[in-house]
Amino acid sequence: MSSEAEAQADINELRQELNQLLDHKIQDEEIRSLYNTYLQLPGASEEELDQFEKQYGVRLPDDFRKFYYHKDGSGYGLHMLYPGDADQASCPPFYLMSLDEIRETKQYFCDVDEKLEEHYGEEELRQLDPEIKPYLFHKPWIPFGTMAGGSLYLMLDFDPTDTGTYGQIIMYVHDPDFVYYVAPSFTELLRMSNRNLKRMDEIVY
C-alpha cells in the first residue's frame, strides 16, 4: 500500500471511530439532535476544495482534504474534537467550520500579520512553541475549528518554522491571547481527540 493510500485509510478509520465515539458518548437529547444533523451533512467536492486552496494560496494536507470530502464541517455547536489531555481535565471542545464558515471567519480573524513582540516581552516570547513563528495573528494561519463563542480556534499553519510541519495544527487562545502547538497533522489531531473521547464518560456542554 502506498503512503498516500495508508494516510487515506488512517483518516477514514479515525473518522469512523470518531462517529462511533460520538454516538456512544452523547446522552443529551439536544446534543443528539446536533449529531443527527451532522450525519446528514454533505462533504465538500474536490472542486470546492481546489477553489479553497487557490483562494488562499495553500496546499491543504491530504488528511484534511479527505475528511472534508466526507463532511464539510460538523455544523454549528456540535463539539466533536477534543485536543489536549483528558486525564488532566484539559481538552477544550471544538466544532468544525464548513469551508464557507472558514472564509467568513478569515475576513476578521488572522486577516493581518501581527507580531507577538507587539504585545509581549522576551520572557513571554520564550514560551512560544518552537514549531510556530512569533505571531499572534498571521495570514497563513487558517482557522477551521472553534469553540462556540469564538474564544478558541484550531488552525492549519501554512508557515511553520524549520522545526515545524507545513499544515501543522496550532491553537489560538483568548485572554490571555497566545498561540500553542497542538499536533503535526490533522490525523494526529483526530487520534489525540479520539483518545480523549474514549476517556470521557459522556459529552456535556
N, C-alpha and C. Protein backbone atom coordinates (compact mmCIF):
# COMPACT_ATOMS: atom_id res chain seq x y z
N MET A 1 0.85 -1.20 0.00
CA MET A 1 0.00 0.00 0.00
C MET A 1 0.88 1.25 0.00
N SER A 2 0.58 2.21 -0.85
CA SER A 2 1.37 3.44 -0.93
C SER A 2 1.15 4.28 0.32
N SER A 3 2.06 5.24 0.55
CA SER A 3 1.93 6.10 1.73
C SER A 3 0.65 6.93 1.67
N GLU A 4 0.26 7.35 0.45
CA GLU A 4 -0.97 8.13 0.30
C GLU A 4 -2.19 7.27 0.64
N ALA A 5 -2.17 6.02 0.17
CA ALA A 5 -3.29 5.12 0.46
C ALA A 5 -3.35 4.81 1.95
N GLU A 6 -2.20 4.66 2.59
CA GLU A 6 -2.15 4.40 4.02
C GLU A 6 -2.72 5.59 4.79
N ALA A 7 -2.36 6.81 4.36
CA ALA A 7 -2.86 8.02 5.01
C ALA A 7 -4.37 8.11 4.88
N GLN A 8 -4.89 7.76 3.70
CA GLN A 8 -6.32 7.80 3.48
C GLN A 8 -7.02 6.76 4.36
N ALA A 9 -6.43 5.57 4.48
CA ALA A 9 -7.00 4.54 5.33
C ALA A 9 -7.02 4.99 6.79
N ASP A 10 -5.93 5.64 7.23
CA ASP A 10 -5.85 6.13 8.60
C ASP A 10 -6.96 7.13 8.89
N ILE A 11 -7.12 8.11 8.01
CA ILE A 11 -8.10 9.16 8.27
C ILE A 11 -9.51 8.61 8.21
N ASN A 12 -9.76 7.65 7.33
CA ASN A 12 -11.09 7.04 7.26
C ASN A 12 -11.40 6.25 8.52
N GLU A 13 -10.41 5.50 9.01
CA GLU A 13 -10.60 4.72 10.23
C GLU A 13 -10.84 5.64 11.43
N LEU A 14 -10.07 6.73 11.51
CA LEU A 14 -10.22 7.66 12.61
C LEU A 14 -11.57 8.39 12.54
N ARG A 15 -12.01 8.73 11.34
CA ARG A 15 -13.30 9.39 11.16
C ARG A 15 -14.43 8.46 11.59
N GLN A 16 -14.35 7.19 11.20
CA GLN A 16 -15.37 6.22 11.59
C GLN A 16 -15.35 5.99 13.10
N GLU A 17 -14.16 5.93 13.67
CA GLU A 17 -14.04 5.77 15.12
C GLU A 17 -14.64 6.97 15.84
N LEU A 18 -14.39 8.17 15.32
CA LEU A 18 -14.95 9.39 15.89
C LEU A 18 -16.47 9.32 15.91
N ASN A 19 -17.08 8.93 14.80
CA ASN A 19 -18.54 8.83 14.74
C ASN A 19 -19.07 7.83 15.76
N GLN A 20 -18.37 6.72 15.91
CA GLN A 20 -18.80 5.70 16.88
C GLN A 20 -18.69 6.23 18.31
N LEU A 21 -17.62 6.95 18.58
CA LEU A 21 -17.43 7.51 19.92
C LEU A 21 -18.49 8.57 20.22
N LEU A 22 -18.76 9.44 19.25
CA LEU A 22 -19.80 10.45 19.46
C LEU A 22 -21.15 9.81 19.71
N ASP A 23 -21.47 8.79 18.92
CA ASP A 23 -22.75 8.10 19.07
C ASP A 23 -22.87 7.48 20.46
N HIS A 24 -21.76 6.98 20.97
CA HIS A 24 -21.77 6.30 22.28
C HIS A 24 -21.76 7.30 23.44
N LYS A 25 -21.03 8.39 23.28
CA LYS A 25 -20.82 9.32 24.40
C LYS A 25 -21.92 10.37 24.53
N ILE A 26 -22.67 10.62 23.48
CA ILE A 26 -23.72 11.64 23.54
C ILE A 26 -24.96 11.06 24.21
N GLN A 27 -25.32 11.65 25.34
CA GLN A 27 -26.51 11.23 26.09
C GLN A 27 -27.60 12.30 26.07
N ASP A 28 -27.20 13.55 25.97
CA ASP A 28 -28.13 14.67 25.98
C ASP A 28 -28.95 14.72 24.68
N GLU A 29 -30.24 14.95 24.78
CA GLU A 29 -31.12 14.93 23.61
C GLU A 29 -30.80 16.07 22.64
N GLU A 30 -30.48 17.24 23.17
CA GLU A 30 -30.17 18.39 22.30
C GLU A 30 -28.88 18.14 21.52
N ILE A 31 -27.88 17.59 22.19
CA ILE A 31 -26.62 17.28 21.51
C ILE A 31 -26.84 16.15 20.51
N ARG A 32 -27.69 15.20 20.86
CA ARG A 32 -28.03 14.10 19.94
C ARG A 32 -28.65 14.65 18.67
N SER A 33 -29.48 15.67 18.79
CA SER A 33 -30.10 16.29 17.62
C SER A 33 -29.04 16.93 16.72
N LEU A 34 -28.05 17.58 17.33
CA LEU A 34 -26.95 18.17 16.56
C LEU A 34 -26.16 17.09 15.84
N TYR A 35 -25.95 15.98 16.53
CA TYR A 35 -25.20 14.87 15.93
C TYR A 35 -25.97 14.26 14.76
N ASN A 36 -27.26 14.08 14.92
CA ASN A 36 -28.07 13.53 13.82
C ASN A 36 -28.05 14.45 12.61
N THR A 37 -28.06 15.75 12.85
CA THR A 37 -27.96 16.72 11.75
C THR A 37 -26.61 16.60 11.06
N TYR A 38 -25.55 16.44 11.86
CA TYR A 38 -24.20 16.27 11.32
C TYR A 38 -24.11 15.07 10.39
N LEU A 39 -24.75 13.97 10.77
CA LEU A 39 -24.69 12.76 9.96
C LEU A 39 -25.26 12.97 8.56
N GLN A 40 -26.16 13.94 8.42
CA GLN A 40 -26.80 14.20 7.13
C GLN A 40 -26.06 15.25 6.30
N LEU A 41 -25.05 15.87 6.88
CA LEU A 41 -24.34 16.93 6.16
C LEU A 41 -23.54 16.36 4.99
N PRO A 42 -23.50 17.09 3.88
CA PRO A 42 -22.70 16.64 2.74
C PRO A 42 -21.22 16.96 2.94
N GLY A 43 -20.38 16.38 2.12
CA GLY A 43 -18.97 16.72 2.11
C GLY A 43 -18.69 17.81 1.09
N ALA A 44 -17.49 18.32 1.12
CA ALA A 44 -17.05 19.30 0.12
C ALA A 44 -16.55 18.55 -1.12
N SER A 45 -16.86 19.07 -2.29
CA SER A 45 -16.41 18.43 -3.52
C SER A 45 -14.93 18.71 -3.76
N GLU A 46 -14.31 17.91 -4.61
CA GLU A 46 -12.90 18.14 -4.96
C GLU A 46 -12.74 19.54 -5.56
N GLU A 47 -13.71 19.95 -6.37
CA GLU A 47 -13.65 21.28 -6.98
C GLU A 47 -13.71 22.37 -5.92
N GLU A 48 -14.58 22.21 -4.92
CA GLU A 48 -14.67 23.20 -3.85
C GLU A 48 -13.38 23.27 -3.05
N LEU A 49 -12.77 22.12 -2.79
CA LEU A 49 -11.51 22.09 -2.06
C LEU A 49 -10.39 22.73 -2.88
N ASP A 50 -10.38 22.47 -4.18
CA ASP A 50 -9.39 23.09 -5.07
C ASP A 50 -9.55 24.60 -5.08
N GLN A 51 -10.79 25.06 -5.14
CA GLN A 51 -11.06 26.50 -5.15
C GLN A 51 -10.61 27.15 -3.85
N PHE A 52 -10.81 26.44 -2.75
CA PHE A 52 -10.38 26.95 -1.45
C PHE A 52 -8.86 27.11 -1.43
N GLU A 53 -8.15 26.11 -1.92
CA GLU A 53 -6.69 26.18 -1.98
C GLU A 53 -6.24 27.36 -2.82
N LYS A 54 -6.87 27.54 -3.96
CA LYS A 54 -6.49 28.62 -4.87
C LYS A 54 -6.76 29.98 -4.23
N GLN A 55 -7.87 30.10 -3.52
CA GLN A 55 -8.23 31.37 -2.90
C GLN A 55 -7.19 31.82 -1.88
N TYR A 56 -6.65 30.86 -1.10
CA TYR A 56 -5.71 31.21 -0.04
C TYR A 56 -4.26 30.88 -0.37
N GLY A 57 -4.02 30.34 -1.57
CA GLY A 57 -2.65 30.06 -1.98
C GLY A 57 -1.97 29.02 -1.12
N VAL A 58 -2.71 27.98 -0.72
CA VAL A 58 -2.16 26.93 0.14
C VAL A 58 -2.40 25.56 -0.50
N ARG A 59 -1.75 24.56 0.05
CA ARG A 59 -1.99 23.16 -0.33
C ARG A 59 -2.53 22.45 0.91
N LEU A 60 -3.82 22.17 0.89
CA LEU A 60 -4.43 21.52 2.04
C LEU A 60 -3.81 20.14 2.25
N PRO A 61 -3.52 19.78 3.49
CA PRO A 61 -3.00 18.42 3.76
C PRO A 61 -3.98 17.37 3.26
N ASP A 62 -3.46 16.26 2.77
CA ASP A 62 -4.31 15.20 2.22
C ASP A 62 -5.34 14.70 3.24
N ASP A 63 -4.91 14.54 4.50
CA ASP A 63 -5.84 14.02 5.50
C ASP A 63 -6.99 14.99 5.76
N PHE A 64 -6.70 16.28 5.76
CA PHE A 64 -7.73 17.29 5.94
C PHE A 64 -8.71 17.27 4.77
N ARG A 65 -8.16 17.18 3.56
CA ARG A 65 -9.00 17.11 2.36
C ARG A 65 -9.91 15.89 2.42
N LYS A 66 -9.35 14.74 2.79
CA LYS A 66 -10.14 13.51 2.83
C LYS A 66 -11.28 13.63 3.84
N PHE A 67 -11.01 14.23 4.99
CA PHE A 67 -12.06 14.38 6.00
C PHE A 67 -13.16 15.30 5.47
N TYR A 68 -12.77 16.44 4.92
CA TYR A 68 -13.76 17.41 4.45
C TYR A 68 -14.48 16.94 3.19
N TYR A 69 -13.88 16.01 2.47
CA TYR A 69 -14.56 15.42 1.33
C TYR A 69 -15.78 14.62 1.80
N HIS A 70 -15.69 14.07 3.01
CA HIS A 70 -16.81 13.32 3.56
C HIS A 70 -17.78 14.22 4.34
N LYS A 71 -17.23 15.21 5.06
CA LYS A 71 -18.07 16.11 5.84
C LYS A 71 -17.49 17.52 5.79
N ASP A 72 -18.28 18.45 5.26
CA ASP A 72 -17.85 19.85 5.19
C ASP A 72 -18.19 20.54 6.50
N GLY A 73 -17.41 20.23 7.53
CA GLY A 73 -17.65 20.76 8.86
C GLY A 73 -18.56 19.85 9.67
N SER A 74 -18.87 20.29 10.88
CA SER A 74 -19.70 19.47 11.78
C SER A 74 -21.06 20.09 12.05
N GLY A 75 -21.29 21.29 11.52
CA GLY A 75 -22.49 22.02 11.89
C GLY A 75 -22.24 22.82 13.15
N TYR A 76 -22.87 23.99 13.26
CA TYR A 76 -22.61 24.87 14.40
C TYR A 76 -23.00 24.19 15.72
N GLY A 77 -22.07 24.22 16.65
CA GLY A 77 -22.38 23.79 18.01
C GLY A 77 -22.10 22.34 18.34
N LEU A 78 -21.86 21.48 17.33
CA LEU A 78 -21.54 20.09 17.65
C LEU A 78 -20.04 19.98 17.92
N HIS A 79 -19.69 20.09 19.20
CA HIS A 79 -18.28 19.97 19.58
C HIS A 79 -17.85 18.52 19.43
N MET A 80 -16.92 18.28 18.50
CA MET A 80 -16.55 16.90 18.19
C MET A 80 -15.05 16.64 18.28
N LEU A 81 -14.25 17.68 18.43
CA LEU A 81 -12.80 17.50 18.59
C LEU A 81 -12.39 17.95 19.98
N TYR A 82 -11.56 17.12 20.62
CA TYR A 82 -11.14 17.37 22.00
C TYR A 82 -9.63 17.20 22.13
N PRO A 83 -8.84 18.14 21.62
CA PRO A 83 -7.39 18.05 21.76
C PRO A 83 -6.97 18.32 23.20
N GLY A 84 -5.78 17.87 23.53
CA GLY A 84 -5.27 18.09 24.88
C GLY A 84 -5.10 16.79 25.64
N ASP A 85 -5.42 16.82 26.93
CA ASP A 85 -5.21 15.65 27.79
C ASP A 85 -6.41 15.51 28.73
N ALA A 86 -7.27 14.53 28.44
CA ALA A 86 -8.46 14.32 29.26
C ALA A 86 -8.10 13.95 30.70
N ASP A 87 -6.98 13.25 30.91
CA ASP A 87 -6.57 12.84 32.25
C ASP A 87 -6.26 14.06 33.13
N GLN A 88 -5.88 15.15 32.48
CA GLN A 88 -5.57 16.38 33.20
C GLN A 88 -6.74 17.37 33.15
N ALA A 89 -7.89 16.88 32.67
CA ALA A 89 -9.08 17.73 32.52
C ALA A 89 -8.77 18.95 31.67
N SER A 90 -7.95 18.74 30.65
CA SER A 90 -7.54 19.84 29.78
C SER A 90 -7.71 19.42 28.32
N CYS A 91 -8.95 19.38 27.87
CA CYS A 91 -9.20 19.08 26.46
C CYS A 91 -10.42 19.91 26.00
N PRO A 92 -10.18 21.16 25.64
CA PRO A 92 -11.28 22.04 25.24
C PRO A 92 -12.00 21.51 24.00
N PRO A 93 -13.32 21.72 23.92
CA PRO A 93 -14.10 21.19 22.80
C PRO A 93 -14.14 22.14 21.62
N PHE A 94 -14.15 21.56 20.42
CA PHE A 94 -14.22 22.36 19.20
C PHE A 94 -15.23 21.75 18.24
N TYR A 95 -15.92 22.62 17.50
CA TYR A 95 -16.68 22.14 16.36
C TYR A 95 -15.96 22.54 15.08
N LEU A 96 -16.21 21.83 14.00
CA LEU A 96 -15.54 22.08 12.73
C LEU A 96 -16.36 23.03 11.87
N MET A 97 -15.72 24.07 11.39
CA MET A 97 -16.39 25.01 10.50
C MET A 97 -16.45 24.44 9.08
N SER A 98 -17.48 24.80 8.34
CA SER A 98 -17.53 24.48 6.92
C SER A 98 -16.55 25.37 6.17
N LEU A 99 -16.28 25.06 4.92
CA LEU A 99 -15.39 25.91 4.12
C LEU A 99 -15.92 27.33 4.04
N ASP A 100 -17.22 27.49 3.90
CA ASP A 100 -17.81 28.84 3.85
C ASP A 100 -17.65 29.56 5.18
N GLU A 101 -17.81 28.83 6.29
CA GLU A 101 -17.63 29.44 7.61
C GLU A 101 -16.18 29.83 7.83
N ILE A 102 -15.26 29.03 7.31
CA ILE A 102 -13.84 29.38 7.40
C ILE A 102 -13.58 30.67 6.65
N ARG A 103 -14.13 30.79 5.46
CA ARG A 103 -13.96 32.01 4.68
C ARG A 103 -14.51 33.23 5.43
N GLU A 104 -15.66 33.06 6.02
CA GLU A 104 -16.28 34.16 6.77
C GLU A 104 -15.41 34.56 7.95
N THR A 105 -14.90 33.56 8.69
CA THR A 105 -14.06 33.83 9.85
C THR A 105 -12.76 34.50 9.44
N LYS A 106 -12.20 34.08 8.30
CA LYS A 106 -10.92 34.62 7.84
C LYS A 106 -11.02 36.10 7.46
N GLN A 107 -12.22 36.60 7.28
CA GLN A 107 -12.39 38.02 6.95
C GLN A 107 -12.04 38.92 8.13
N TYR A 108 -12.14 38.38 9.36
CA TYR A 108 -11.85 39.21 10.53
C TYR A 108 -10.82 38.58 11.48
N PHE A 109 -10.47 37.31 11.27
CA PHE A 109 -9.52 36.64 12.17
C PHE A 109 -8.33 36.14 11.35
N CYS A 110 -7.12 36.51 11.78
CA CYS A 110 -5.88 36.19 11.04
C CYS A 110 -5.96 36.70 9.61
N ASP A 111 -6.56 37.87 9.45
CA ASP A 111 -6.60 38.53 8.16
C ASP A 111 -5.45 39.52 8.01
N VAL A 112 -4.65 39.67 9.08
CA VAL A 112 -3.48 40.53 9.08
C VAL A 112 -2.34 39.80 9.78
N ASP A 113 -1.12 40.32 9.61
CA ASP A 113 0.04 39.80 10.32
C ASP A 113 0.32 40.71 11.52
N GLU A 114 0.37 40.10 12.69
CA GLU A 114 0.61 40.86 13.91
C GLU A 114 1.61 40.10 14.76
N LYS A 115 2.76 40.67 14.97
CA LYS A 115 3.85 40.00 15.70
C LYS A 115 3.56 39.92 17.20
N LEU A 116 4.04 38.83 17.80
CA LEU A 116 3.89 38.67 19.25
C LEU A 116 4.62 39.76 20.02
N GLU A 117 5.75 40.22 19.47
CA GLU A 117 6.56 41.21 20.17
C GLU A 117 5.83 42.55 20.32
N GLU A 118 4.75 42.73 19.56
CA GLU A 118 3.94 43.94 19.71
C GLU A 118 3.11 43.89 21.00
N HIS A 119 3.01 42.71 21.60
CA HIS A 119 2.16 42.54 22.78
C HIS A 119 2.91 41.99 23.99
N TYR A 120 4.04 41.32 23.75
CA TYR A 120 4.72 40.62 24.85
C TYR A 120 6.21 40.94 24.88
N GLY A 121 6.80 40.70 26.06
CA GLY A 121 8.23 40.86 26.23
C GLY A 121 8.97 39.56 25.96
N GLU A 122 10.28 39.59 26.18
CA GLU A 122 11.14 38.44 25.88
C GLU A 122 10.75 37.21 26.69
N GLU A 123 10.36 37.39 27.93
CA GLU A 123 10.02 36.24 28.77
C GLU A 123 8.83 35.47 28.20
N GLU A 124 7.81 36.20 27.77
CA GLU A 124 6.64 35.54 27.19
C GLU A 124 6.96 34.93 25.84
N LEU A 125 7.80 35.60 25.06
CA LEU A 125 8.16 35.09 23.74
C LEU A 125 8.90 33.76 23.85
N ARG A 126 9.66 33.56 24.93
CA ARG A 126 10.39 32.30 25.11
C ARG A 126 9.44 31.13 25.36
N GLN A 127 8.20 31.41 25.72
CA GLN A 127 7.23 30.36 25.97
C GLN A 127 6.59 29.83 24.68
N LEU A 128 6.84 30.52 23.57
CA LEU A 128 6.26 30.09 22.29
C LEU A 128 6.86 28.76 21.85
N ASP A 129 6.01 27.84 21.43
CA ASP A 129 6.49 26.55 20.95
C ASP A 129 7.37 26.74 19.72
N PRO A 130 8.47 25.97 19.62
CA PRO A 130 9.46 26.19 18.56
C PRO A 130 8.93 25.94 17.15
N GLU A 131 7.82 25.24 17.02
CA GLU A 131 7.27 24.96 15.69
C GLU A 131 6.53 26.15 15.08
N ILE A 132 6.26 27.17 15.91
CA ILE A 132 5.40 28.29 15.49
C ILE A 132 6.21 29.57 15.36
N LYS A 133 5.99 30.30 14.29
CA LYS A 133 6.64 31.60 14.12
C LYS A 133 6.00 32.62 15.07
N PRO A 134 6.77 33.63 15.48
CA PRO A 134 6.33 34.53 16.55
C PRO A 134 5.27 35.57 16.12
N TYR A 135 4.10 35.06 15.84
CA TYR A 135 2.96 35.93 15.52
C TYR A 135 1.83 35.66 16.50
N LEU A 136 0.98 36.67 16.67
CA LEU A 136 -0.27 36.47 17.39
C LEU A 136 -1.38 36.21 16.39
N PHE A 137 -1.32 36.93 15.27
CA PHE A 137 -2.22 36.70 14.13
C PHE A 137 -1.35 36.65 12.88
N HIS A 138 -1.68 35.75 11.95
CA HIS A 138 -0.81 35.54 10.79
C HIS A 138 -1.66 35.08 9.61
N LYS A 139 -1.50 35.72 8.48
CA LYS A 139 -2.33 35.41 7.31
C LYS A 139 -2.26 33.95 6.87
N PRO A 140 -1.09 33.28 6.94
CA PRO A 140 -1.03 31.87 6.53
C PRO A 140 -1.66 30.89 7.52
N TRP A 141 -2.26 31.39 8.60
CA TRP A 141 -2.98 30.53 9.53
C TRP A 141 -4.45 30.49 9.14
N ILE A 142 -4.99 29.29 8.95
CA ILE A 142 -6.37 29.12 8.52
C ILE A 142 -7.18 28.47 9.64
N PRO A 143 -8.07 29.23 10.30
CA PRO A 143 -8.89 28.65 11.36
C PRO A 143 -9.93 27.70 10.78
N PHE A 144 -10.08 26.52 11.39
CA PHE A 144 -11.06 25.55 10.90
C PHE A 144 -11.93 24.98 12.01
N GLY A 145 -11.52 25.16 13.25
CA GLY A 145 -12.29 24.66 14.38
C GLY A 145 -12.39 25.73 15.44
N THR A 146 -13.52 25.80 16.13
CA THR A 146 -13.68 26.80 17.18
C THR A 146 -14.63 26.30 18.24
N MET A 147 -14.50 26.87 19.41
CA MET A 147 -15.49 26.64 20.47
C MET A 147 -16.62 27.63 20.23
N ALA A 148 -17.87 27.20 20.42
CA ALA A 148 -19.00 28.11 20.26
C ALA A 148 -18.77 29.34 21.12
N GLY A 149 -18.70 30.49 20.48
CA GLY A 149 -18.37 31.73 21.17
C GLY A 149 -17.10 32.36 20.65
N GLY A 150 -16.20 31.54 20.06
CA GLY A 150 -15.05 32.08 19.34
C GLY A 150 -13.86 32.45 20.18
N SER A 151 -13.76 31.97 21.45
CA SER A 151 -12.61 32.33 22.27
C SER A 151 -11.40 31.43 22.00
N LEU A 152 -11.61 30.32 21.30
CA LEU A 152 -10.54 29.39 20.94
C LEU A 152 -10.66 29.04 19.47
N TYR A 153 -9.52 28.88 18.80
CA TYR A 153 -9.51 28.47 17.40
C TYR A 153 -8.44 27.41 17.17
N LEU A 154 -8.80 26.35 16.46
CA LEU A 154 -7.82 25.43 15.89
C LEU A 154 -7.51 25.92 14.49
N MET A 155 -6.21 25.88 14.13
CA MET A 155 -5.81 26.44 12.84
C MET A 155 -4.82 25.54 12.12
N LEU A 156 -4.89 25.55 10.80
CA LEU A 156 -3.85 24.96 9.96
C LEU A 156 -2.77 26.02 9.79
N ASP A 157 -1.53 25.65 10.04
CA ASP A 157 -0.39 26.58 9.95
C ASP A 157 0.38 26.30 8.66
N PHE A 158 0.28 27.23 7.72
CA PHE A 158 0.96 27.05 6.44
C PHE A 158 2.25 27.86 6.35
N ASP A 159 2.75 28.30 7.49
CA ASP A 159 4.04 29.00 7.53
C ASP A 159 4.77 28.66 8.83
N PRO A 160 5.11 27.37 9.01
CA PRO A 160 5.76 26.96 10.26
C PRO A 160 7.25 27.33 10.27
N THR A 161 7.88 27.14 11.40
CA THR A 161 9.33 27.29 11.48
C THR A 161 9.98 26.06 10.85
N ASP A 162 11.30 26.05 10.80
CA ASP A 162 12.03 24.91 10.23
C ASP A 162 11.81 23.63 11.02
N THR A 163 11.46 23.74 12.30
CA THR A 163 11.21 22.55 13.12
C THR A 163 9.75 22.11 13.07
N GLY A 164 8.92 22.92 12.44
CA GLY A 164 7.51 22.59 12.32
C GLY A 164 7.20 21.84 11.04
N THR A 165 5.92 21.64 10.77
CA THR A 165 5.45 20.89 9.61
C THR A 165 4.40 21.71 8.87
N TYR A 166 4.52 21.80 7.56
CA TYR A 166 3.54 22.52 6.75
C TYR A 166 2.16 21.90 6.98
N GLY A 167 1.18 22.74 7.36
CA GLY A 167 -0.15 22.24 7.63
C GLY A 167 -0.34 21.71 9.05
N GLN A 168 0.63 21.97 9.93
CA GLN A 168 0.51 21.52 11.32
C GLN A 168 -0.68 22.20 12.00
N ILE A 169 -1.09 21.66 13.13
CA ILE A 169 -2.24 22.18 13.85
C ILE A 169 -1.78 23.01 15.04
N ILE A 170 -2.27 24.24 15.11
CA ILE A 170 -1.96 25.12 16.23
C ILE A 170 -3.28 25.66 16.79
N MET A 171 -3.20 26.25 17.98
CA MET A 171 -4.41 26.72 18.65
C MET A 171 -4.22 28.14 19.16
N TYR A 172 -5.20 28.99 18.85
CA TYR A 172 -5.24 30.35 19.40
C TYR A 172 -6.15 30.35 20.62
N VAL A 173 -5.66 30.93 21.72
CA VAL A 173 -6.42 31.04 22.96
C VAL A 173 -6.58 32.51 23.30
N HIS A 174 -7.79 32.90 23.65
CA HIS A 174 -8.08 34.29 24.01
C HIS A 174 -8.05 34.48 25.52
N ASP A 175 -7.46 35.59 25.94
CA ASP A 175 -7.49 36.07 27.33
C ASP A 175 -6.82 35.11 28.31
N PRO A 176 -5.50 35.10 28.40
CA PRO A 176 -4.60 35.96 27.62
C PRO A 176 -4.38 35.39 26.21
N ASP A 177 -4.27 36.27 25.24
CA ASP A 177 -4.12 35.85 23.85
C ASP A 177 -2.74 35.24 23.62
N PHE A 178 -2.74 34.02 23.09
CA PHE A 178 -1.48 33.36 22.77
C PHE A 178 -1.76 32.23 21.79
N VAL A 179 -0.69 31.67 21.24
CA VAL A 179 -0.82 30.59 20.25
C VAL A 179 0.02 29.40 20.71
N TYR A 180 -0.53 28.20 20.54
CA TYR A 180 0.13 26.99 21.02
C TYR A 180 0.15 25.91 19.95
N TYR A 181 1.19 25.11 19.96
CA TYR A 181 1.30 23.96 19.07
C TYR A 181 0.41 22.83 19.60
N VAL A 182 -0.30 22.15 18.68
CA VAL A 182 -1.20 21.07 19.08
C VAL A 182 -0.75 19.72 18.53
N ALA A 183 -0.54 19.64 17.21
CA ALA A 183 -0.22 18.35 16.59
C ALA A 183 0.45 18.59 15.24
N PRO A 184 1.25 17.62 14.77
CA PRO A 184 1.93 17.79 13.49
C PRO A 184 1.01 17.65 12.28
N SER A 185 -0.19 17.08 12.47
CA SER A 185 -1.08 16.85 11.34
C SER A 185 -2.52 16.74 11.81
N PHE A 186 -3.45 16.83 10.86
CA PHE A 186 -4.87 16.65 11.17
C PHE A 186 -5.12 15.22 11.65
N THR A 187 -4.41 14.25 11.07
CA THR A 187 -4.55 12.86 11.50
C THR A 187 -4.19 12.72 12.98
N GLU A 188 -3.09 13.31 13.39
CA GLU A 188 -2.67 13.21 14.80
C GLU A 188 -3.63 13.96 15.72
N LEU A 189 -4.21 15.03 15.23
CA LEU A 189 -5.23 15.75 16.00
C LEU A 189 -6.42 14.83 16.26
N LEU A 190 -6.89 14.14 15.21
CA LEU A 190 -8.01 13.22 15.36
C LEU A 190 -7.66 12.08 16.31
N ARG A 191 -6.45 11.56 16.17
CA ARG A 191 -6.03 10.45 17.04
C ARG A 191 -6.03 10.90 18.51
N MET A 192 -5.50 12.09 18.76
CA MET A 192 -5.47 12.65 20.11
C MET A 192 -6.89 12.85 20.63
N SER A 193 -7.75 13.41 19.79
CA SER A 193 -9.12 13.70 20.19
C SER A 193 -9.89 12.43 20.50
N ASN A 194 -9.76 11.43 19.63
CA ASN A 194 -10.45 10.16 19.87
C ASN A 194 -9.98 9.51 21.17
N ARG A 195 -8.69 9.60 21.43
CA ARG A 195 -8.15 9.04 22.67
C ARG A 195 -8.80 9.73 23.88
N ASN A 196 -8.96 11.05 23.81
CA ASN A 196 -9.60 11.77 24.91
C ASN A 196 -11.08 11.43 25.03
N LEU A 197 -11.74 11.29 23.89
CA LEU A 197 -13.16 10.93 23.93
C LEU A 197 -13.38 9.57 24.60
N LYS A 198 -12.48 8.65 24.37
CA LYS A 198 -12.59 7.33 25.00
C LYS A 198 -12.55 7.41 26.52
N ARG A 199 -11.84 8.41 27.03
CA ARG A 199 -11.67 8.55 28.47
C ARG A 199 -12.81 9.33 29.12
N MET A 200 -13.66 9.95 28.30
CA MET A 200 -14.77 10.73 28.84
C MET A 200 -15.98 9.85 29.08
N ASP A 201 -16.70 10.11 30.16
CA ASP A 201 -17.91 9.34 30.46
C ASP A 201 -19.02 9.68 29.47
N GLU A 202 -19.22 10.96 29.22
CA GLU A 202 -20.20 11.41 28.25
C GLU A 202 -19.87 12.83 27.82
N ILE A 203 -20.47 13.26 26.72
CA ILE A 203 -20.26 14.62 26.21
C ILE A 203 -21.32 15.52 26.81
N VAL A 204 -20.87 16.54 27.53
CA VAL A 204 -21.79 17.53 28.10
C VAL A 204 -21.29 18.92 27.76
N TYR A 205 -22.20 19.86 27.60
CA TYR A 205 -21.83 21.25 27.32
C TYR A 205 -22.12 22.11 28.54
